[in-house]
Protein backbone atom coordinates (compact mmCIF):
# COMPACT_ATOMS: atom_id res chain seq x y z
CA MET A 1 52.76 98.01 90.80
CA GLN A 2 55.43 99.51 92.56
CA PRO A 3 56.60 98.16 95.87
CA SER A 4 55.85 100.34 98.57
CA GLN A 5 58.35 102.04 101.01
CA SER A 6 58.06 100.11 103.89
CA SER A 7 58.96 96.94 101.40
CA ALA A 8 62.84 98.45 101.49
CA GLU A 9 65.13 97.92 103.83
CA HIS A 10 65.48 101.49 105.37
CA PHE A 11 68.68 103.54 106.71
CA GLU A 12 68.84 107.10 107.54
CA THR A 13 72.09 107.06 105.14
CA VAL A 14 72.69 105.25 102.08
CA VAL A 15 76.44 105.88 100.46
CA ILE A 16 76.80 104.73 97.03
CA GLY A 17 80.29 104.27 96.24
CA ALA A 18 83.18 102.34 98.93
CA GLY A 19 85.89 103.60 97.26
CA GLN A 20 88.01 106.68 98.55
CA ALA A 21 85.63 109.01 99.25
CA GLY A 22 83.14 106.81 100.03
CA LEU A 23 84.82 105.31 103.14
CA ALA A 24 85.94 108.72 104.38
CA THR A 25 82.30 109.93 104.21
CA GLY A 26 81.38 106.61 105.91
CA HIS A 27 83.91 106.86 108.93
CA HIS A 28 82.90 110.65 109.24
CA LEU A 29 79.21 109.13 110.16
CA ALA A 30 80.31 106.20 111.87
CA GLN A 31 82.00 108.76 114.31
CA ARG A 32 78.94 110.27 115.39
CA GLY A 33 77.20 106.86 115.50
CA ALA A 34 74.89 107.37 111.83
CA ASP A 35 72.80 104.56 111.07
CA PHE A 36 73.94 104.25 107.47
CA LEU A 37 75.32 101.84 104.76
CA LEU A 38 78.28 101.50 102.13
CA VAL A 39 77.13 100.03 99.25
CA ASP A 40 79.58 99.23 95.94
CA ALA A 41 79.17 97.22 93.02
CA SER A 42 82.67 95.64 93.34
CA ALA A 43 83.54 92.49 94.60
CA ARG A 44 86.16 93.43 96.98
CA ILE A 45 87.12 97.58 98.61
CA GLY A 46 89.52 98.95 96.36
CA ASP A 47 88.56 96.88 93.29
CA SER A 48 88.37 100.38 91.48
CA TRP A 49 92.07 100.82 91.87
CA ARG A 50 93.02 96.98 91.38
CA ASN A 51 91.51 97.08 87.95
CA ARG A 52 93.79 99.13 86.50
CA TRP A 53 96.97 98.82 84.79
CA ASP A 54 99.38 96.84 86.30
CA SER A 55 102.38 99.32 86.42
CA LEU A 56 100.70 102.37 87.51
CA GLN A 57 101.58 104.75 90.14
CA LEU A 58 100.07 107.82 92.02
CA PHE A 59 101.66 111.03 91.27
CA THR A 60 100.62 111.78 94.70
CA TRP A 61 103.32 110.91 97.65
CA VAL A 62 101.80 108.60 100.07
CA ASP A 63 101.55 111.26 103.01
CA TRP A 64 98.90 113.29 100.30
CA ASN A 65 97.04 110.22 100.65
CA HIS A 66 95.99 109.61 104.26
CA LEU A 67 92.36 109.30 104.21
CA PRO A 68 90.66 110.41 108.00
CA GLY A 69 92.04 108.46 110.96
CA MET A 70 94.43 106.46 109.11
CA PRO A 71 98.07 107.33 107.78
CA CYS A 72 98.13 105.57 104.20
CA PRO A 73 101.41 103.50 104.86
CA GLY A 74 104.74 103.51 103.37
CA PRO A 75 107.74 106.49 103.13
CA ARG A 76 105.99 109.73 102.64
CA MET A 77 108.29 110.47 99.59
CA HIS A 78 107.07 107.34 98.05
CA PHE A 79 104.64 107.54 95.06
CA PRO A 80 101.94 104.11 95.77
CA GLY A 81 101.36 101.80 92.91
CA LYS A 82 97.34 100.97 92.57
CA ASP A 83 97.50 97.68 94.51
CA GLU A 84 99.33 99.41 97.42
CA VAL A 85 96.50 102.13 97.37
CA ALA A 86 93.53 99.01 97.04
CA ASP A 87 95.02 97.05 99.92
CA TYR A 88 95.05 100.68 101.79
CA LEU A 89 91.50 100.75 101.12
CA ALA A 90 90.38 97.44 102.12
CA GLU A 91 92.45 97.91 105.69
CA TYR A 92 90.87 101.62 106.07
CA ALA A 93 87.24 99.78 105.74
CA SER A 94 88.20 96.49 107.96
CA ARG A 95 90.08 98.92 111.18
CA PHE A 96 87.11 101.26 111.57
CA SER A 97 84.27 97.75 110.57
CA LEU A 98 82.43 100.34 108.03
CA PRO A 99 79.27 98.52 106.96
CA VAL A 100 79.90 98.05 103.36
CA ARG A 101 77.75 95.68 101.24
CA LEU A 102 79.79 94.65 98.07
CA GLY A 103 78.05 93.49 94.86
CA VAL A 104 75.17 95.72 94.83
CA GLU A 105 75.18 97.89 91.25
CA VAL A 106 72.90 100.39 91.62
CA GLU A 107 70.41 100.92 89.23
CA ARG A 108 68.18 103.62 89.91
CA LEU A 109 67.69 106.54 92.96
CA SER A 110 65.03 107.87 92.80
CA ARG A 111 62.65 109.66 95.46
CA GLU A 112 58.86 108.55 96.81
CA GLY A 113 57.48 110.88 98.84
CA ASP A 114 60.20 112.13 101.68
CA ARG A 115 62.22 109.15 101.37
CA TYR A 116 65.39 108.33 98.24
CA ILE A 117 64.89 105.01 96.94
CA ILE A 118 68.05 102.85 95.58
CA THR A 119 67.11 99.81 93.19
CA ALA A 120 69.76 97.13 92.86
CA GLY A 121 68.23 94.20 91.05
CA ALA A 122 65.94 92.41 93.52
CA GLN A 123 67.63 94.47 96.37
CA ARG A 124 65.58 98.07 97.24
CA LEU A 125 66.99 100.50 100.23
CA SER A 126 65.34 103.36 101.44
CA ALA A 127 66.97 106.32 102.67
CA ASP A 128 66.57 109.70 104.31
CA ASN A 129 69.91 110.84 102.98
CA VAL A 130 71.62 109.48 99.62
CA VAL A 131 75.72 110.72 99.46
CA VAL A 132 77.15 109.62 95.83
CA ALA A 133 80.46 109.01 95.75
CA THR A 134 81.05 107.24 92.51
CA GLY A 135 84.06 109.10 91.69
CA PRO A 136 85.00 111.03 88.41
CA PHE A 137 86.21 107.97 86.39
CA GLN A 138 82.62 106.60 85.09
CA LYS A 139 82.27 106.46 81.20
CA PRO A 140 85.41 106.10 79.23
CA ARG A 141 85.86 109.08 77.13
CA ILE A 142 86.56 107.88 73.04
CA PRO A 143 86.19 110.07 70.37
CA GLU A 144 83.46 109.41 67.66
CA PHE A 145 86.10 109.00 64.78
CA ALA A 146 87.47 106.01 66.12
CA ARG A 147 84.94 103.40 65.31
CA ASP A 148 86.18 104.76 61.63
CA LEU A 149 89.19 103.05 62.09
CA ASP A 150 90.70 100.36 60.17
CA PRO A 151 89.00 96.88 62.26
CA SER A 152 92.77 96.02 62.11
CA ILE A 153 93.79 98.11 64.61
CA GLU A 154 93.48 96.71 68.15
CA GLN A 155 92.14 99.46 70.31
CA LEU A 156 91.59 99.87 73.80
CA HIS A 157 90.82 102.69 76.37
CA SER A 158 93.34 103.31 79.02
CA SER A 159 90.64 102.10 81.67
CA ALA A 160 90.84 98.33 79.80
CA TYR A 161 94.87 98.41 79.16
CA ARG A 162 96.64 96.03 81.86
CA ASN A 163 100.00 95.78 79.99
CA PRO A 164 101.81 95.19 77.11
CA ALA A 165 101.14 91.58 76.75
CA GLN A 166 97.71 92.64 75.96
CA LEU A 167 98.27 94.12 72.59
CA GLY A 168 100.07 92.10 69.44
CA ASP A 169 102.66 93.07 67.77
CA GLY A 170 103.73 96.42 65.77
CA ASP A 171 103.81 99.95 66.83
CA THR A 172 100.81 101.64 69.14
CA LEU A 173 99.62 105.31 69.64
CA VAL A 174 98.26 106.30 72.41
CA VAL A 175 96.17 109.18 72.36
CA GLY A 176 96.09 111.85 75.53
CA ALA A 177 99.52 113.41 76.71
CA ALA A 178 98.37 113.75 80.38
CA THR A 179 99.93 111.69 83.57
CA SER A 180 97.99 108.23 82.31
CA GLY A 181 99.17 108.71 78.97
CA CYS A 182 102.45 109.49 79.54
CA GLN A 183 102.63 106.25 81.86
CA ILE A 184 101.44 104.04 79.69
CA ALA A 185 103.66 104.79 76.83
CA MET A 186 106.47 104.73 78.86
CA GLU A 187 105.97 101.07 79.99
CA LEU A 188 104.93 100.14 76.31
CA ALA A 189 107.78 101.56 74.59
CA LYS A 190 110.32 98.98 76.62
CA THR A 191 109.12 96.73 74.01
CA ARG A 192 107.41 98.33 70.67
CA ARG A 193 107.51 101.62 69.10
CA VAL A 194 105.19 104.16 70.31
CA LEU A 195 104.10 107.62 69.65
CA LEU A 196 102.47 109.73 72.16
CA SER A 197 100.07 112.09 70.91
CA GLY A 198 98.34 115.07 72.98
CA ARG A 199 98.38 118.54 74.06
CA ASN A 200 101.09 119.21 76.45
CA VAL A 201 100.04 119.76 79.74
CA ASP A 202 102.25 121.76 82.64
CA ALA A 203 104.93 119.17 83.95
CA PHE A 204 107.42 119.28 86.91
CA SER A 205 110.52 117.07 87.11
CA ALA A 206 111.07 114.69 90.41
CA GLY A 207 114.11 117.00 90.57
CA LYS A 208 111.61 119.93 92.16
CA GLN A 209 110.06 117.54 94.36
CA LYS A 210 110.61 120.22 97.93
CA VAL A 211 108.89 123.21 96.01
CA LEU A 212 105.83 120.83 94.50
CA ARG A 213 105.25 119.59 98.23
CA ARG A 214 105.06 123.43 99.19
CA ILE A 215 103.49 124.95 96.41
CA VAL A 216 100.54 121.95 95.16
CA PRO A 217 99.03 121.67 98.29
CA TRP A 218 97.75 125.33 98.14
CA VAL A 219 97.43 125.53 94.70
CA TYR A 220 95.19 122.84 94.17
CA SER A 221 93.15 123.28 97.15
CA ARG A 222 91.96 126.69 95.92
CA PRO A 223 88.14 127.22 96.40
CA ARG A 224 86.58 126.74 91.96
CA GLN A 225 85.08 130.46 92.90
CA SER A 226 88.62 131.96 93.56
CA PHE A 227 90.51 133.25 90.93
CA ILE A 228 93.52 130.67 90.89
CA GLY A 229 90.25 128.05 90.75
CA LYS A 230 88.80 129.32 87.84
CA ARG A 231 91.49 129.34 86.08
CA LEU A 232 92.45 125.74 87.07
CA HIS A 233 88.65 124.55 86.58
CA VAL A 234 89.26 125.67 82.88
CA LYS A 235 92.70 123.70 82.50
CA ALA A 236 91.06 120.67 83.97
CA ARG A 237 88.13 120.54 81.90
CA THR A 238 90.25 120.98 78.89
CA GLY A 239 94.11 119.62 78.88
CA GLY A 240 94.28 117.47 82.21
CA HIS A 241 96.15 117.80 85.65
CA PRO A 242 99.87 118.27 85.27
CA LEU A 243 102.78 115.78 85.37
CA ILE A 244 104.33 115.20 88.48
CA GLY A 245 107.53 113.43 88.90
CA PHE A 246 108.90 113.32 85.24
CA THR A 247 108.48 115.98 82.21
CA TYR A 248 108.09 115.44 78.44
CA LYS A 249 111.74 115.22 77.94
CA GLU A 250 112.10 112.38 80.36
CA VAL A 251 109.24 110.70 78.93
CA GLU A 252 111.32 110.72 75.21
CA ARG A 253 114.65 110.06 76.84
CA GLU A 254 112.44 106.79 77.50
CA GLY A 255 111.84 106.06 73.80
CA VAL A 256 108.23 107.63 73.14
CA GLN A 257 107.93 109.60 70.13
CA ARG A 258 105.85 112.47 70.58
CA VAL A 259 103.62 113.85 67.68
CA PRO A 260 100.90 115.95 67.10
CA ARG A 261 97.05 115.69 68.40
CA THR A 262 95.09 113.01 66.99
CA THR A 263 91.98 114.91 65.04
CA GLY A 264 90.32 111.96 62.97
CA VAL A 265 90.89 109.23 60.24
CA LYS A 266 92.10 108.97 57.02
CA ASN A 267 92.24 106.08 54.98
CA GLY A 268 91.80 103.92 58.07
CA LYS A 269 94.43 105.37 60.05
CA PRO A 270 94.91 108.04 63.05
CA LEU A 271 94.95 111.68 61.43
CA LEU A 272 97.21 113.81 63.43
CA GLU A 273 97.17 117.62 63.12
CA ASN A 274 99.66 118.05 60.65
CA GLY A 275 97.33 116.24 58.28
CA GLN A 276 100.32 112.92 58.57
CA THR A 277 98.75 109.26 59.69
CA ALA A 278 99.98 107.42 62.26
CA ASP A 279 101.10 103.90 60.71
CA VAL A 280 100.39 101.86 63.94
CA ALA A 281 98.90 98.32 64.54
CA SER A 282 97.14 99.54 67.84
CA VAL A 283 95.49 102.85 69.85
CA ILE A 284 95.42 102.79 73.50
CA TRP A 285 92.91 106.15 74.12
CA SER A 286 93.70 107.53 77.22
CA THR A 287 91.14 110.48 76.59
CA GLY A 288 89.81 110.54 80.21
CA PHE A 289 86.25 110.04 81.39
CA GLU A 290 82.88 111.50 81.41
CA VAL A 291 80.40 111.10 84.09
CA ASP A 292 77.25 109.40 83.87
CA PHE A 293 74.64 109.95 86.14
CA SER A 294 72.25 108.06 83.63
CA TRP A 295 71.08 106.08 86.59
CA ILE A 296 69.68 109.02 88.97
CA ASP A 297 66.28 109.89 88.11
CA LEU A 298 66.69 113.28 89.82
CA PRO A 299 66.37 116.60 87.97
CA VAL A 300 69.50 118.25 89.67
CA PHE A 301 71.82 117.97 86.22
CA THR A 302 73.28 120.83 84.34
CA ALA A 303 73.10 120.41 80.27
CA ASP A 304 76.76 118.82 80.31
CA GLY A 305 75.44 116.01 82.85
CA TYR A 306 77.45 117.38 86.21
CA PRO A 307 74.87 117.53 89.35
CA ARG A 308 74.17 121.74 90.44
CA HIS A 309 75.32 121.49 94.16
CA ASP A 310 77.24 123.88 96.39
CA ARG A 311 80.51 121.97 97.72
CA GLY A 312 78.51 118.83 97.37
CA VAL A 313 75.35 119.36 98.70
CA VAL A 314 72.36 119.56 96.55
CA GLN A 315 70.00 122.23 97.44
CA GLU A 316 67.43 121.51 95.21
CA GLU A 317 66.75 117.92 96.57
CA PRO A 318 67.56 118.03 100.86
CA GLY A 319 69.28 114.91 101.92
CA LEU A 320 71.02 114.35 98.35
CA TYR A 321 74.66 114.95 98.37
CA PHE A 322 78.11 114.30 96.18
CA VAL A 323 81.61 113.65 96.88
CA GLY A 324 85.02 112.89 94.89
CA LEU A 325 83.88 114.81 91.84
CA ILE A 326 86.04 117.23 90.29
CA PHE A 327 86.15 120.35 91.44
CA LEU A 328 83.73 119.56 93.94
CA HIS A 329 85.35 122.62 95.78
CA SER A 330 88.69 122.62 94.75
CA LEU A 331 91.15 120.48 91.87
CA ASP A 332 91.94 118.24 94.81
CA SER A 333 88.20 117.17 95.00
CA GLN A 334 88.91 114.12 92.81
CA LEU A 335 92.13 113.07 94.43
CA ILE A 336 92.52 111.60 97.66
CA LEU A 337 94.31 114.76 99.01
CA GLY A 338 90.89 116.82 98.93
CA VAL A 339 89.08 113.62 100.32
CA PRO A 340 89.64 114.55 103.63
CA ARG A 341 88.16 118.40 103.55
CA ASP A 342 85.18 117.91 101.25
CA THR A 343 83.85 114.43 103.14
CA LYS A 344 84.25 116.57 106.64
CA HIS A 345 82.04 119.25 104.98
CA VAL A 346 79.47 117.18 103.13
CA ALA A 347 79.15 114.63 106.59
CA GLY A 348 79.01 117.72 108.63
CA GLU A 349 76.02 118.95 106.30
CA LEU A 350 74.10 115.63 106.31
CA LEU A 351 74.79 115.31 110.05
CA ARG A 352 73.07 118.52 111.04
CA ARG A 353 70.12 117.91 108.36
CA SER A 354 69.82 114.89 110.46
CA GLU A 355 69.72 116.44 113.70
CA SER A 356 67.29 119.36 112.71
CA ARG A 357 64.55 116.74 111.23
CA ARG A 358 64.56 114.70 114.75
CA ALA A 359 64.24 118.10 116.21
CA ALA A 360 61.46 119.46 114.04
CA PRO A 361 58.02 118.86 114.73
CA ALA A 362 56.12 116.36 112.76
CA GLY A 363 56.04 117.23 109.05
CA GLN A 364 58.70 120.35 109.59
CA GLU A 365 62.16 120.68 108.60
CA GLN A 366 64.73 122.78 109.93
CA PRO A 367 66.59 125.45 107.67
CA ARG A 368 69.65 123.86 106.71
CA TYR A 369 72.16 125.93 108.54
CA GLN A 370 69.86 126.77 111.29
CA ALA A 371 72.02 124.46 113.75
CA ALA A 372 75.19 124.87 112.30
CA GLY A 373 76.80 127.61 114.37
CA SER A 374 80.37 129.01 113.89
CA MET A 375 80.89 125.91 111.02
CA ALA A 376 78.30 127.35 108.88
CA ARG A 377 80.20 131.58 109.05
CA GLU A 378 83.59 129.29 108.34
CA ASP A 379 81.78 127.68 105.49
CA ALA A 380 79.97 131.17 104.10
CA GLN A 381 83.60 133.08 104.29
CA MET A 382 85.46 129.94 102.33
CA ARG A 383 82.49 130.20 99.79
CA ARG A 384 83.45 134.20 99.29
């Protein structure tokens, strides 16, 4: 027999995920005195960053990585390392005394009556509102043909790569020529022969920083419905983000050899688009991630697994919200750069819903935009 709602610990809002998007959402809720809880599967705030490769650097400057209410420390033109970001997130949660419960791996999100039920092992939480802030990097994407490689070839996804010492001797093929693949390839090239396979994305060297700092925030913030946003959305889903801070020529100057895209396997070796094979001892798959919301037992997803939403607000399930996804609103939505704007909007919609529910007679809920006033009109104009 399923436990009843009354057996679950209840909060007005539960935020699932305590990365940058979840913490920023929590900050907005805390500013309004909301009853909420953040839950995260990690042992420490920031572990999603700490657990990536040792030399990882963001391709966004420090002053593009501020969360609401607290600047990211460091010189404004500095590209932070992953541990700097992790420490910043931990300090952010501490400074604002955000209610975070760690070590909570959510296994199922469902609805019972007018409440959402979050199941995590023996823990059972209920909520009027749920914000899913698990981010875009959920399930490593590795091509199916990888299983046909010779077993002697070591394989790692970029999410499992830490440093060159992980790999045995011999040449390495890095598949995926966007920012992560290039950073990993340049690091490995210091100790071995490295082949970098993949299509080119737009690239901007450090010498163009002044131009980039003016143009990129504007371009990246274009709404998905706009002309520029539509074009960027297609590129983001097929070709990756632009390289910022270096170009492919600079990558090659670090000793990395560019090769065509990897399209399959021949005689147990990676097959390149030109018909040649790569004779390597190891392969790093820097091929991105897929969303994985299989743990959400609610009918709100499209055929490709993405939630149906309007700027993070799920119309079909009142009280359900998403933050931190690619193109939640624009290209910068999956970056810290876009987090303040997106989380402010989602938290505002959530709080208006909560206020409407408290004001409505029992059994009735006010229309979502009834109490929104001028902010709702501004949002409507942005969507147009």
